[in-house]
C-alpha atoms as a PDB file:
ATOM      1  CA  UNK A   1     -42.946   1.354  47.879  1.00  0.00           C
ATOM      2  CA  UNK A   2     -40.847   4.135  46.356  1.00  0.00           C
ATOM      3  CA  UNK A   3     -37.075   3.814  46.633  1.00  0.00           C
ATOM      4  CA  UNK A   4     -35.234   7.079  47.123  1.00  0.00           C
ATOM      5  CA  UNK A   5     -32.078   7.379  45.061  1.00  0.00           C
ATOM      6  CA  UNK A   6     -29.333   8.488  47.434  1.00  0.00           C
ATOM      7  CA  UNK A   7     -26.654  10.943  46.461  1.00  0.00           C
ATOM      8  CA  UNK A   8     -23.882   9.224  44.548  1.00  0.00           C
ATOM      9  CA  UNK A   9     -26.078   6.453  43.149  1.00  0.00           C
ATOM     10  CA  UNK A  10     -26.974   8.111  39.840  1.00  0.00           C
ATOM     11  CA  UNK A  11     -26.283   6.615  36.406  1.00  0.00           C
ATOM     12  CA  UNK A  12     -22.759   8.022  35.983  1.00  0.00           C
ATOM     13  CA  UNK A  13     -21.551   7.049  39.437  1.00  0.00           C
ATOM     14  CA  UNK A  14     -23.211   3.628  39.273  1.00  0.00           C
ATOM     15  CA  UNK A  15     -21.730   2.919  35.847  1.00  0.00           C
ATOM     16  CA  UNK A  16     -18.274   4.006  37.011  1.00  0.00           C
ATOM     17  CA  UNK A  17     -18.465   1.722  40.044  1.00  0.00           C
ATOM     18  CA  UNK A  18     -19.533  -1.280  37.993  1.00  0.00           C
ATOM     19  CA  UNK A  19     -16.913  -0.628  35.296  1.00  0.00           C
ATOM     20  CA  UNK A  20     -14.271  -0.474  38.034  1.00  0.00           C
ATOM     21  CA  UNK A  21     -15.592  -3.710  39.522  1.00  0.00           C
ATOM     22  CA  UNK A  22     -15.413  -5.499  36.172  1.00  0.00           C
ATOM     23  CA  UNK A  23     -11.922  -4.171  35.457  1.00  0.00           C
ATOM     24  CA  UNK A  24     -10.675  -5.364  38.848  1.00  0.00           C
ATOM     25  CA  UNK A  25     -12.122  -8.785  38.174  1.00  0.00           C
ATOM     26  CA  UNK A  26     -10.414  -8.768  34.768  1.00  0.00           C
ATOM     27  CA  UNK A  27      -7.032  -7.965  36.288  1.00  0.00           C
ATOM     28  CA  UNK A  28      -7.375 -10.977  38.586  1.00  0.00           C
ATOM     29  CA  UNK A  29      -8.425 -13.243  35.724  1.00  0.00           C
ATOM     30  CA  UNK A  30      -5.120 -14.431  34.334  1.00  0.00           C
ATOM     31  CA  UNK A  31      -6.777 -17.082  32.186  1.00  0.00           C
ATOM     32  CA  UNK A  32      -8.984 -14.450  30.556  1.00  0.00           C
ATOM     33  CA  UNK A  33      -5.972 -12.357  29.598  1.00  0.00           C
ATOM     34  CA  UNK A  34      -4.215 -15.486  28.367  1.00  0.00           C
ATOM     35  CA  UNK A  35      -7.144 -16.272  26.096  1.00  0.00           C
ATOM     36  CA  UNK A  36      -7.490 -12.672  24.901  1.00  0.00           C
ATOM     37  CA  UNK A  37      -3.822 -11.978  24.119  1.00  0.00           C
ATOM     38  CA  UNK A  38      -1.544 -14.991  24.153  1.00  0.00           C
ATOM     39  CA  UNK A  39      -3.754 -17.301  22.090  1.00  0.00           C
ATOM     40  CA  UNK A  40      -4.270 -14.835  19.176  1.00  0.00           C
ATOM     41  CA  UNK A  41      -0.537 -14.069  19.190  1.00  0.00           C
ATOM     42  CA  UNK A  42       0.277 -17.782  19.087  1.00  0.00           C
ATOM     43  CA  UNK A  43      -2.173 -18.242  16.214  1.00  0.00           C
ATOM     44  CA  UNK A  44      -0.555 -15.339  14.363  1.00  0.00           C
ATOM     45  CA  UNK A  45       2.887 -16.871  14.757  1.00  0.00           C
ATOM     46  CA  UNK A  46       1.527 -20.275  13.765  1.00  0.00           C
ATOM     47  CA  UNK A  47      -0.102 -18.986  10.588  1.00  0.00           C
ATOM     48  CA  UNK A  48       2.770 -16.709   9.570  1.00  0.00           C
ATOM     49  CA  UNK A  49       5.722 -19.006  10.336  1.00  0.00           C
ATOM     50  CA  UNK A  50       4.288 -22.515   9.920  1.00  0.00           C
ATOM     51  CA  UNK A  51       1.401 -22.249   7.443  1.00  0.00           C
ATOM     52  CA  UNK A  52       2.337 -19.017   5.665  1.00  0.00           C
ATOM     53  CA  UNK A  53       4.829 -20.611   3.265  1.00  0.00           C
ATOM     54  CA  UNK A  54       2.282 -23.177   2.139  1.00  0.00           C
ATOM     55  CA  UNK A  55      -0.640 -20.754   1.882  1.00  0.00           C
ATOM     56  CA  UNK A  56       1.320 -17.979   0.135  1.00  0.00           C
ATOM     57  CA  UNK A  57       4.625 -19.371  -1.207  1.00  0.00           C
ATOM     58  CA  UNK A  58       5.529 -16.009  -2.709  1.00  0.00           C
ATOM     59  CA  UNK A  59       5.485 -14.294   0.686  1.00  0.00           C
ATOM     60  CA  UNK A  60       3.346 -11.469   1.958  1.00  0.00           C
ATOM     61  CA  UNK A  61       0.980 -13.688   3.913  1.00  0.00           C
ATOM     62  CA  UNK A  62       1.574 -11.704   7.100  1.00  0.00           C
ATOM     63  CA  UNK A  63      -0.071  -8.637   5.530  1.00  0.00           C
ATOM     64  CA  UNK A  64      -3.038 -10.775   4.563  1.00  0.00           C
ATOM     65  CA  UNK A  65      -3.538 -12.545   7.893  1.00  0.00           C
ATOM     66  CA  UNK A  66      -2.952  -9.812  10.506  1.00  0.00           C
ATOM     67  CA  UNK A  67      -6.342  -8.094   9.893  1.00  0.00           C
ATOM     68  CA  UNK A  68      -8.006 -11.484  10.373  1.00  0.00           C
ATOM     69  CA  UNK A  69      -6.089 -12.050  13.616  1.00  0.00           C
ATOM     70  CA  UNK A  70      -7.250  -8.630  14.834  1.00  0.00           C
ATOM     71  CA  UNK A  71     -10.885  -9.662  14.289  1.00  0.00           C
ATOM     72  CA  UNK A  72     -10.212 -13.023  15.918  1.00  0.00           C
ATOM     73  CA  UNK A  73      -8.625 -11.321  18.934  1.00  0.00           C
ATOM     74  CA  UNK A  74     -11.673  -9.185  19.606  1.00  0.00           C
ATOM     75  CA  UNK A  75     -13.855 -12.292  19.742  1.00  0.00           C
ATOM     76  CA  UNK A  76     -11.564 -14.130  22.146  1.00  0.00           C
ATOM     77  CA  UNK A  77     -11.391 -11.119  24.438  1.00  0.00           C
ATOM     78  CA  UNK A  78     -15.171 -10.739  24.624  1.00  0.00           C
ATOM     79  CA  UNK A  79     -15.917 -14.409  25.321  1.00  0.00           C
ATOM     80  CA  UNK A  80     -15.373 -14.078  29.084  1.00  0.00           C
ATOM     81  CA  UNK A  81     -18.279 -11.620  29.345  1.00  0.00           C
ATOM     82  CA  UNK A  82     -20.799 -14.439  28.903  1.00  0.00           C
ATOM     83  CA  UNK A  83     -19.382 -16.263  31.923  1.00  0.00           C
ATOM     84  CA  UNK A  84     -19.089 -13.107  34.061  1.00  0.00           C
ATOM     85  CA  UNK A  85     -22.666 -12.028  33.387  1.00  0.00           C
ATOM     86  CA  UNK A  86     -24.011 -15.521  34.038  1.00  0.00           C
ATOM     87  CA  UNK A  87     -22.151 -15.735  37.335  1.00  0.00           C
ATOM     88  CA  UNK A  88     -23.775 -12.499  38.465  1.00  0.00           C
ATOM     89  CA  UNK A  89     -27.187 -13.868  37.484  1.00  0.00           C
ATOM     90  CA  UNK A  90     -26.867 -17.391  38.891  1.00  0.00           C
ATOM     91  CA  UNK A  91     -24.584 -16.624  41.829  1.00  0.00           C
ATOM     92  CA  UNK A  92     -26.912 -14.175  43.546  1.00  0.00           C
ATOM     93  CA  UNK A  93     -24.959 -10.982  42.897  1.00  0.00           C
ATOM     94  CA  UNK A  94     -27.712  -9.538  40.697  1.00  0.00           C
ATOM     95  CA  UNK A  95     -30.298 -10.096  43.423  1.00  0.00           C
ATOM     96  CA  UNK A  96     -28.039  -8.240  45.830  1.00  0.00           C
ATOM     97  CA  UNK A  97     -27.652  -5.351  43.403  1.00  0.00           C
ATOM     98  CA  UNK A  98     -31.425  -5.155  43.015  1.00  0.00           C
ATOM     99  CA  UNK A  99     -31.793  -4.635  46.767  1.00  0.00           C
ATOM    100  CA  UNK A 100     -29.574  -1.531  46.638  1.00  0.00           C
ATOM    101  CA  UNK A 101     -30.735   1.998  45.757  1.00  0.00           C
ATOM    102  CA  UNK A 102     -29.253   1.710  42.268  1.00  0.00           C
ATOM    103  CA  UNK A 103     -30.335   0.517  38.845  1.00  0.00           C
ATOM    104  CA  UNK A 104     -29.092  -3.088  38.716  1.00  0.00           C
ATOM    105  CA  UNK A 105     -28.938  -3.052  34.914  1.00  0.00           C
ATOM    106  CA  UNK A 106     -25.843  -0.833  35.131  1.00  0.00           C
ATOM    107  CA  UNK A 107     -24.004  -3.987  36.172  1.00  0.00           C
ATOM    108  CA  UNK A 108     -24.262  -5.039  32.516  1.00  0.00           C
ATOM    109  CA  UNK A 109     -22.996  -1.636  31.422  1.00  0.00           C
ATOM    110  CA  UNK A 110     -19.963  -2.279  33.619  1.00  0.00           C
ATOM    111  CA  UNK A 111     -19.336  -5.695  32.089  1.00  0.00           C
ATOM    112  CA  UNK A 112     -19.652  -4.435  28.509  1.00  0.00           C
ATOM    113  CA  UNK A 113     -17.578  -1.264  29.004  1.00  0.00           C
ATOM    114  CA  UNK A 114     -14.793  -3.080  30.850  1.00  0.00           C
ATOM    115  CA  UNK A 115     -14.707  -5.748  28.149  1.00  0.00           C
ATOM    116  CA  UNK A 116     -14.455  -3.165  25.374  1.00  0.00           C
ATOM    117  CA  UNK A 117     -11.559  -1.426  27.156  1.00  0.00           C
ATOM    118  CA  UNK A 118      -9.826  -4.738  27.838  1.00  0.00           C
ATOM    119  CA  UNK A 119     -10.221  -5.843  24.232  1.00  0.00           C
ATOM    120  CA  UNK A 120      -8.887  -2.571  22.858  1.00  0.00           C
ATOM    121  CA  UNK A 121      -5.732  -3.081  24.931  1.00  0.00           C
ATOM    122  CA  UNK A 122      -5.445  -6.701  23.786  1.00  0.00           C
ATOM    123  CA  UNK A 123      -6.018  -5.764  20.146  1.00  0.00           C
ATOM    124  CA  UNK A 124      -3.346  -3.060  20.342  1.00  0.00           C
ATOM    125  CA  UNK A 125      -0.851  -5.568  21.723  1.00  0.00           C
ATOM    126  CA  UNK A 126      -1.688  -8.100  19.022  1.00  0.00           C
ATOM    127  CA  UNK A 127      -1.276  -5.412  16.351  1.00  0.00           C
ATOM    128  CA  UNK A 128       2.100  -4.541  17.867  1.00  0.00           C
ATOM    129  CA  UNK A 129       3.210  -8.155  17.573  1.00  0.00           C
ATOM    130  CA  UNK A 130       1.994  -8.154  13.984  1.00  0.00           C
ATOM    131  CA  UNK A 131       4.250  -5.196  13.239  1.00  0.00           C
ATOM    132  CA  UNK A 132       7.165  -7.048  14.816  1.00  0.00           C
ATOM    133  CA  UNK A 133       6.668 -10.099  12.589  1.00  0.00           C
ATOM    134  CA  UNK A 134       6.537  -8.037   9.409  1.00  0.00           C
ATOM    135  CA  UNK A 135       3.086  -6.507   9.002  1.00  0.00           C
ATOM    136  CA  UNK A 136       3.526  -3.275   7.041  1.00  0.00           C
ATOM    137  CA  UNK A 137       0.293  -1.256   6.720  1.00  0.00           C
ATOM    138  CA  UNK A 138       0.240   1.636   4.259  1.00  0.00           C
ATOM    139  CA  UNK A 139      -2.870   3.352   5.616  1.00  0.00           C
ATOM    140  CA  UNK A 140      -3.061   7.090   6.173  1.00  0.00           C
ATOM    141  CA  UNK A 141      -4.648   8.754   9.218  1.00  0.00           C
ATOM    142  CA  UNK A 142      -8.163   8.674   7.706  1.00  0.00           C
ATOM    143  CA  UNK A 143      -7.913   4.972   6.830  1.00  0.00           C
ATOM    144  CA  UNK A 144      -6.574   4.150  10.294  1.00  0.00           C
ATOM    145  CA  UNK A 145      -9.464   6.043  11.877  1.00  0.00           C
ATOM    146  CA  UNK A 146     -12.073   4.168   9.827  1.00  0.00           C
ATOM    147  CA  UNK A 147     -10.383   0.827  10.494  1.00  0.00           C
ATOM    148  CA  UNK A 148     -10.257   1.493  14.235  1.00  0.00           C
ATOM    149  CA  UNK A 149     -13.917   2.531  14.157  1.00  0.00           C
ATOM    150  CA  UNK A 150     -14.790  -0.798  12.552  1.00  0.00           C
ATOM    151  CA  UNK A 151     -12.726  -2.686  15.126  1.00  0.00           C
ATOM    152  CA  UNK A 152     -14.417  -0.793  17.973  1.00  0.00           C
ATOM    153  CA  UNK A 153     -17.874  -1.413  16.496  1.00  0.00           C
ATOM    154  CA  UNK A 154     -17.145  -5.138  16.177  1.00  0.00           C
ATOM    155  CA  UNK A 155     -15.777  -5.379  19.730  1.00  0.00           C
ATOM    156  CA  UNK A 156     -18.894  -3.656  21.065  1.00  0.00           C
ATOM    157  CA  UNK A 157     -21.206  -5.836  18.963  1.00  0.00           C
ATOM    158  CA  UNK A 158     -19.627  -9.155  19.897  1.00  0.00           C
ATOM    159  CA  UNK A 159     -19.448  -8.110  23.564  1.00  0.00           C
ATOM    160  CA  UNK A 160     -23.172  -7.316  23.654  1.00  0.00           C
ATOM    161  CA  UNK A 161     -23.896 -10.681  22.015  1.00  0.00           C
ATOM    162  CA  UNK A 162     -21.795 -12.486  24.620  1.00  0.00           C
ATOM    163  CA  UNK A 163     -23.566 -10.558  27.401  1.00  0.00           C
ATOM    164  CA  UNK A 164     -26.889 -11.777  25.969  1.00  0.00           C
ATOM    165  CA  UNK A 165     -25.548 -15.347  25.914  1.00  0.00           C
ATOM    166  CA  UNK A 166     -24.651 -14.956  29.576  1.00  0.00           C
ATOM    167  CA  UNK A 167     -28.222 -13.874  30.309  1.00  0.00           C
ATOM    168  CA  UNK A 168     -29.739 -16.801  28.393  1.00  0.00           C
ATOM    169  CA  UNK A 169     -27.499 -19.626  29.628  1.00  0.00           C
ATOM    170  CA  UNK A 170     -28.452 -21.649  32.688  1.00  0.00           C
ATOM    171  CA  UNK A 171     -24.916 -22.042  34.072  1.00  0.00           C
ATOM    172  CA  UNK A 172     -21.497 -20.408  33.586  1.00  0.00           C
ATOM    173  CA  UNK A 173     -20.285 -23.612  31.903  1.00  0.00           C
ATOM    174  CA  UNK A 174     -23.149 -23.460  29.425  1.00  0.00           C
ATOM    175  CA  UNK A 175     -22.461 -19.777  28.761  1.00  0.00           C
ATOM    176  CA  UNK A 176     -18.834 -20.603  28.029  1.00  0.00           C
ATOM    177  CA  UNK A 177     -19.838 -23.399  25.651  1.00  0.00           C
ATOM    178  CA  UNK A 178     -22.420 -21.378  23.729  1.00  0.00           C
ATOM    179  CA  UNK A 179     -20.060 -18.447  23.402  1.00  0.00           C
ATOM    180  CA  UNK A 180     -17.171 -20.610  22.255  1.00  0.00           C
ATOM    181  CA  UNK A 181     -19.156 -21.617  19.170  1.00  0.00           C
ATOM    182  CA  UNK A 182     -19.077 -17.998  17.938  1.00  0.00           C
ATOM    183  CA  UNK A 183     -15.281 -17.990  18.022  1.00  0.00           C
ATOM    184  CA  UNK A 184     -15.245 -20.300  14.991  1.00  0.00           C
ATOM    185  CA  UNK A 185     -16.720 -17.637  12.697  1.00  0.00           C
ATOM    186  CA  UNK A 186     -13.300 -16.294  11.584  1.00  0.00           C
ATOM    187  CA  UNK A 187     -12.273 -19.772  10.420  1.00  0.00           C
ATOM    188  CA  UNK A 188     -15.113 -19.933   7.889  1.00  0.00           C
ATOM    189  CA  UNK A 189     -14.432 -16.493   6.464  1.00  0.00           C
ATOM    190  CA  UNK A 190     -11.750 -14.699   4.482  1.00  0.00           C
ATOM    191  CA  UNK A 191      -9.746 -13.985   7.641  1.00  0.00           C
ATOM    192  CA  UNK A 192      -7.060 -16.576   6.928  1.00  0.00           C
ATOM    193  CA  UNK A 193      -7.496 -17.609   3.293  1.00  0.00           C
ATOM    194  CA  UNK A 194      -8.997 -15.937   0.207  1.00  0.00           C
ATOM    195  CA  UNK A 195     -12.702 -16.573  -0.110  1.00  0.00           C
ATOM    196  CA  UNK A 196     -12.345 -18.163  -3.546  1.00  0.00           C
ATOM    197  CA  UNK A 197     -10.115 -20.935  -2.150  1.00  0.00           C
ATOM    198  CA  UNK A 198     -12.948 -22.287   0.016  1.00  0.00           C
ATOM    199  CA  UNK A 199     -15.181 -25.115  -1.248  1.00  0.00           C
ATOM    200  CA  UNK A 200     -17.868 -23.825  -3.588  1.00  0.00           C
ATOM    201  CA  UNK A 201     -20.703 -24.778  -1.240  1.00  0.00           C
ATOM    202  CA  UNK A 202     -19.013 -22.927   1.668  1.00  0.00           C
ATOM    203  CA  UNK A 203     -18.261 -19.672  -0.147  1.00  0.00           C
ATOM    204  CA  UNK A 204     -21.817 -18.215   0.055  1.00  0.00           C
ATOM    205  CA  UNK A 205     -21.960 -19.015   3.779  1.00  0.00           C
ATOM    206  CA  UNK A 206     -18.584 -17.420   4.402  1.00  0.00           C
ATOM    207  CA  UNK A 207     -19.486 -14.337   2.372  1.00  0.00           C
ATOM    208  CA  UNK A 208     -22.793 -13.855   4.192  1.00  0.00           C
ATOM    209  CA  UNK A 209     -21.497 -13.930   7.747  1.00  0.00           C
ATOM    210  CA  UNK A 210     -20.215 -10.752   9.486  1.00  0.00           C
ATOM    211  CA  UNK A 211     -16.517 -11.606   9.817  1.00  0.00           C
ATOM    212  CA  UNK A 212     -15.857 -11.628   6.058  1.00  0.00           C
ATOM    213  CA  UNK A 213     -16.940  -8.035   5.212  1.00  0.00           C
ATOM    214  CA  UNK A 214     -15.348  -6.810   8.446  1.00  0.00           C
ATOM    215  CA  UNK A 215     -12.012  -8.448   7.680  1.00  0.00           C
ATOM    216  CA  UNK A 216     -12.066  -7.405   4.038  1.00  0.00           C
ATOM    217  CA  UNK A 217     -12.803  -3.792   4.986  1.00  0.00           C
ATOM    218  CA  UNK A 218     -10.044  -3.624   7.620  1.00  0.00           C
ATOM    219  CA  UNK A 219      -7.570  -5.360   5.297  1.00  0.00           C
ATOM    220  CA  UNK A 220      -8.316  -2.961   2.445  1.00  0.00           C
ATOM    221  CA  UNK A 221      -8.098   0.108   4.668  1.00  0.00           C
ATOM    222  CA  UNK A 222      -4.791  -0.862   6.291  1.00  0.00           C
ATOM    223  CA  UNK A 223      -3.150  -1.949   3.036  1.00  0.00           C
ATOM    224  CA  UNK A 224      -4.171   1.058   0.960  1.00  0.00           C
ATOM    225  CA  UNK A 225      -7.085  -0.500  -0.905  1.00  0.00           C
ATOM    226  CA  UNK A 226     -10.695   0.523  -1.349  1.00  0.00           C
ATOM    227  CA  UNK A 227     -13.036  -1.196   1.140  1.00  0.00           C
ATOM    228  CA  UNK A 228     -15.995  -0.530  -1.138  1.00  0.00           C
ATOM    229  CA  UNK A 229     -19.268  -1.822   0.269  1.00  0.00           C
ATOM    230  CA  UNK A 230     -17.524  -4.100   2.775  1.00  0.00           C
ATOM    231  CA  UNK A 231     -17.262  -1.318   5.361  1.00  0.00           C
ATOM    232  CA  UNK A 232     -20.988  -0.545   5.153  1.00  0.00           C
ATOM    233  CA  UNK A 233     -21.903  -4.229   5.350  1.00  0.00           C
ATOM    234  CA  UNK A 234     -19.649  -4.603   8.389  1.00  0.00           C
ATOM    235  CA  UNK A 235     -21.236  -1.617  10.131  1.00  0.00           C
ATOM    236  CA  UNK A 236     -24.707  -2.920   9.313  1.00  0.00           C
ATOM    237  CA  UNK A 237     -23.822  -6.297  10.826  1.00  0.00           C
ATOM    238  CA  UNK A 238     -22.440  -4.628  13.957  1.00  0.00           C
ATOM    239  CA  UNK A 239     -25.547  -2.477  14.374  1.00  0.00           C
ATOM    240  CA  UNK A 240     -27.804  -5.499  13.891  1.00  0.00           C
ATOM    241  CA  UNK A 241     -25.876  -7.596  16.410  1.00  0.00           C
ATOM    242  CA  UNK A 242     -25.953  -4.797  18.986  1.00  0.00           C
ATOM    243  CA  UNK A 243     -29.694  -4.365  18.504  1.00  0.00           C
ATOM    244  CA  UNK A 244     -30.358  -8.116  18.733  1.00  0.00           C
ATOM    245  CA  UNK A 245     -28.137  -8.543  21.786  1.00  0.00           C
ATOM    246  CA  UNK A 246     -29.629  -5.553  23.582  1.00  0.00           C
ATOM    247  CA  UNK A 247     -33.156  -6.815  22.857  1.00  0.00           C
ATOM    248  CA  UNK A 248     -32.355 -10.235  24.324  1.00  0.00           C
ATOM    249  CA  UNK A 249     -30.756  -8.658  27.392  1.00  0.00           C
ATOM    250  CA  UNK A 250     -33.785  -6.434  27.984  1.00  0.00           C
ATOM    251  CA  UNK A 251     -36.107  -9.421  27.550  1.00  0.00           C
ATOM    252  CA  UNK A 252     -34.204 -11.722  29.904  1.00  0.00           C
ATOM    253  CA  UNK A 253     -33.118  -9.221  32.526  1.00  0.00           C
ATOM    254  CA  UNK A 254     -34.570 -10.313  35.890  1.00  0.00           C
ATOM    255  CA  UNK A 255     -37.499  -8.236  37.129  1.00  0.00           C
ATOM    256  CA  UNK A 256     -39.445  -8.135  40.306  1.00  0.00           C
END
């Protein structure tokens, strides 16, 4: 049987409706905003005021750690996507969408787009707090643009990965647990301490994972340094994660 697409149910309109739906759900999710904004800010204050003197006795630790907190923030903000997607799959909403004269897959577009917008707002607020506690970037307009591009690419990549986790998990609780494991990546990277201070056996692992080149590139760009190959490695990681996540979503998306 052929389903006739009614006026107003095309890709743009459908995507806009689903983005609006996800944003409304986000505004009602106080815990999600708490996780995305308050927790990274608390970690920033903890590292700068409590641990900063021990990690960098000479001062200046705030300039080192804020880029890492920015990367950490984007991960926290995207984590809720796994639960939201899984609820649509397991709660029957996706089956309902499939009965409508629309492309149900645009529901995922709504989740991802709304998450990216939400995380950009959260990241901006966290950066603002960083400026208040003493972060002093020396980047010019070009460096800021490249750094923001890297942040946006990472937010999109990690959001797509969390959406794939939501598709793969059997329950919302499982999706939350699997996704939470990814939030530990910044702690085994150069986000909070120099790479050379890690145990020798851990340094290759930390250098090979995506958070380290991303953080190093953003830190260099914002503080007037040369990101070198870190920026290209970070973009390559983001592209690979997006491709892997999109492939898993396409494979697991319900059909029939």
